[in-house]
């Protein structure tokens, strides 16, 4: 299912900023999980960070067009 959404450039930039903060949180959580030898959490947090990074990149590409 695709969702069509119309945003201003400013709104898209706000989403990118929010995703950046979220991404940093997941990367930090993955780092902490690695330090605690919790492989399941490392995998979960790393996967979430990768998905957030991909979405952030996708939105940034639309802004830069």
C-alpha atoms as a PDB file:
ATOM      1  CA  UNK A   1       0.000   0.000   0.000  1.00  0.00           C
ATOM      2  CA  UNK A   2       1.354   3.403  -0.944  1.00  0.00           C
ATOM      3  CA  UNK A   3       0.405   6.580   0.857  1.00  0.00           C
ATOM      4  CA  UNK A   4       0.452   9.834  -1.061  1.00  0.00           C
ATOM      5  CA  UNK A   5       1.203  12.872   1.030  1.00  0.00           C
ATOM      6  CA  UNK A   6       1.779  16.466   0.051  1.00  0.00           C
ATOM      7  CA  UNK A   7       4.273  18.382   2.185  1.00  0.00           C
ATOM      8  CA  UNK A   8       5.939  21.729   1.957  1.00  0.00           C
ATOM      9  CA  UNK A   9       9.710  21.682   1.684  1.00  0.00           C
ATOM     10  CA  UNK A  10       9.874  22.995   5.252  1.00  0.00           C
ATOM     11  CA  UNK A  11       7.684  20.135   6.498  1.00  0.00           C
ATOM     12  CA  UNK A  12       9.845  17.588   4.678  1.00  0.00           C
ATOM     13  CA  UNK A  13      12.961  19.105   6.250  1.00  0.00           C
ATOM     14  CA  UNK A  14      11.304  18.832   9.667  1.00  0.00           C
ATOM     15  CA  UNK A  15      10.720  15.123   9.029  1.00  0.00           C
ATOM     16  CA  UNK A  16      14.345  14.660   7.998  1.00  0.00           C
ATOM     17  CA  UNK A  17      15.480  16.375  11.208  1.00  0.00           C
ATOM     18  CA  UNK A  18      13.188  14.190  13.321  1.00  0.00           C
ATOM     19  CA  UNK A  19      14.404  11.057  11.556  1.00  0.00           C
ATOM     20  CA  UNK A  20      18.011  12.099  12.195  1.00  0.00           C
ATOM     21  CA  UNK A  21      17.336  12.310  15.942  1.00  0.00           C
ATOM     22  CA  UNK A  22      15.542   8.960  15.872  1.00  0.00           C
ATOM     23  CA  UNK A  23      18.396   7.413  13.889  1.00  0.00           C
ATOM     24  CA  UNK A  24      20.964   8.627  16.416  1.00  0.00           C
ATOM     25  CA  UNK A  25      18.918   7.086  19.233  1.00  0.00           C
ATOM     26  CA  UNK A  26      18.778   3.697  17.550  1.00  0.00           C
ATOM     27  CA  UNK A  27      22.484   3.763  16.730  1.00  0.00           C
ATOM     28  CA  UNK A  28      23.273   4.582  20.370  1.00  0.00           C
ATOM     29  CA  UNK A  29      20.975   1.776  21.540  1.00  0.00           C
ATOM     30  CA  UNK A  30      22.708  -0.670  19.195  1.00  0.00           C
ATOM     31  CA  UNK A  31      26.070   0.421  20.570  1.00  0.00           C
ATOM     32  CA  UNK A  32      24.897  -0.122  24.159  1.00  0.00           C
ATOM     33  CA  UNK A  33      23.419  -3.514  23.274  1.00  0.00           C
ATOM     34  CA  UNK A  34      26.732  -4.481  21.662  1.00  0.00           C
ATOM     35  CA  UNK A  35      28.500  -3.539  24.899  1.00  0.00           C
ATOM     36  CA  UNK A  36      26.072  -5.752  26.828  1.00  0.00           C
ATOM     37  CA  UNK A  37      26.557  -8.648  24.387  1.00  0.00           C
ATOM     38  CA  UNK A  38      22.843  -8.608  23.586  1.00  0.00           C
ATOM     39  CA  UNK A  39      22.941  -9.767  19.989  1.00  0.00           C
ATOM     40  CA  UNK A  40      19.160  -9.802  19.522  1.00  0.00           C
ATOM     41  CA  UNK A  41      18.872  -6.137  20.495  1.00  0.00           C
ATOM     42  CA  UNK A  42      21.886  -5.217  18.357  1.00  0.00           C
ATOM     43  CA  UNK A  43      20.153  -6.774  15.360  1.00  0.00           C
ATOM     44  CA  UNK A  44      16.806  -5.110  16.139  1.00  0.00           C
ATOM     45  CA  UNK A  45      18.266  -1.643  16.697  1.00  0.00           C
ATOM     46  CA  UNK A  46      20.586  -1.909  13.695  1.00  0.00           C
ATOM     47  CA  UNK A  47      17.730  -2.949  11.427  1.00  0.00           C
ATOM     48  CA  UNK A  48      15.591  -0.064  12.676  1.00  0.00           C
ATOM     49  CA  UNK A  49      18.471   2.377  12.125  1.00  0.00           C
ATOM     50  CA  UNK A  50      18.949   1.107   8.563  1.00  0.00           C
ATOM     51  CA  UNK A  51      15.249   1.525   7.767  1.00  0.00           C
ATOM     52  CA  UNK A  52      15.188   5.028   9.250  1.00  0.00           C
ATOM     53  CA  UNK A  53      18.326   5.986   7.304  1.00  0.00           C
ATOM     54  CA  UNK A  54      16.749   4.732   4.065  1.00  0.00           C
ATOM     55  CA  UNK A  55      13.582   6.747   4.656  1.00  0.00           C
ATOM     56  CA  UNK A  56      15.603   9.833   5.567  1.00  0.00           C
ATOM     57  CA  UNK A  57      17.613   9.485   2.347  1.00  0.00           C
ATOM     58  CA  UNK A  58      14.428   9.064   0.320  1.00  0.00           C
ATOM     59  CA  UNK A  59      12.898  12.248   1.743  1.00  0.00           C
ATOM     60  CA  UNK A  60      16.157  14.193   1.360  1.00  0.00           C
ATOM     61  CA  UNK A  61      16.285  13.228  -2.324  1.00  0.00           C
ATOM     62  CA  UNK A  62      12.836  14.718  -2.843  1.00  0.00           C
ATOM     63  CA  UNK A  63      13.855  17.974  -1.162  1.00  0.00           C
ATOM     64  CA  UNK A  64      16.994  18.297  -3.277  1.00  0.00           C
ATOM     65  CA  UNK A  65      15.170  17.856  -6.609  1.00  0.00           C
END
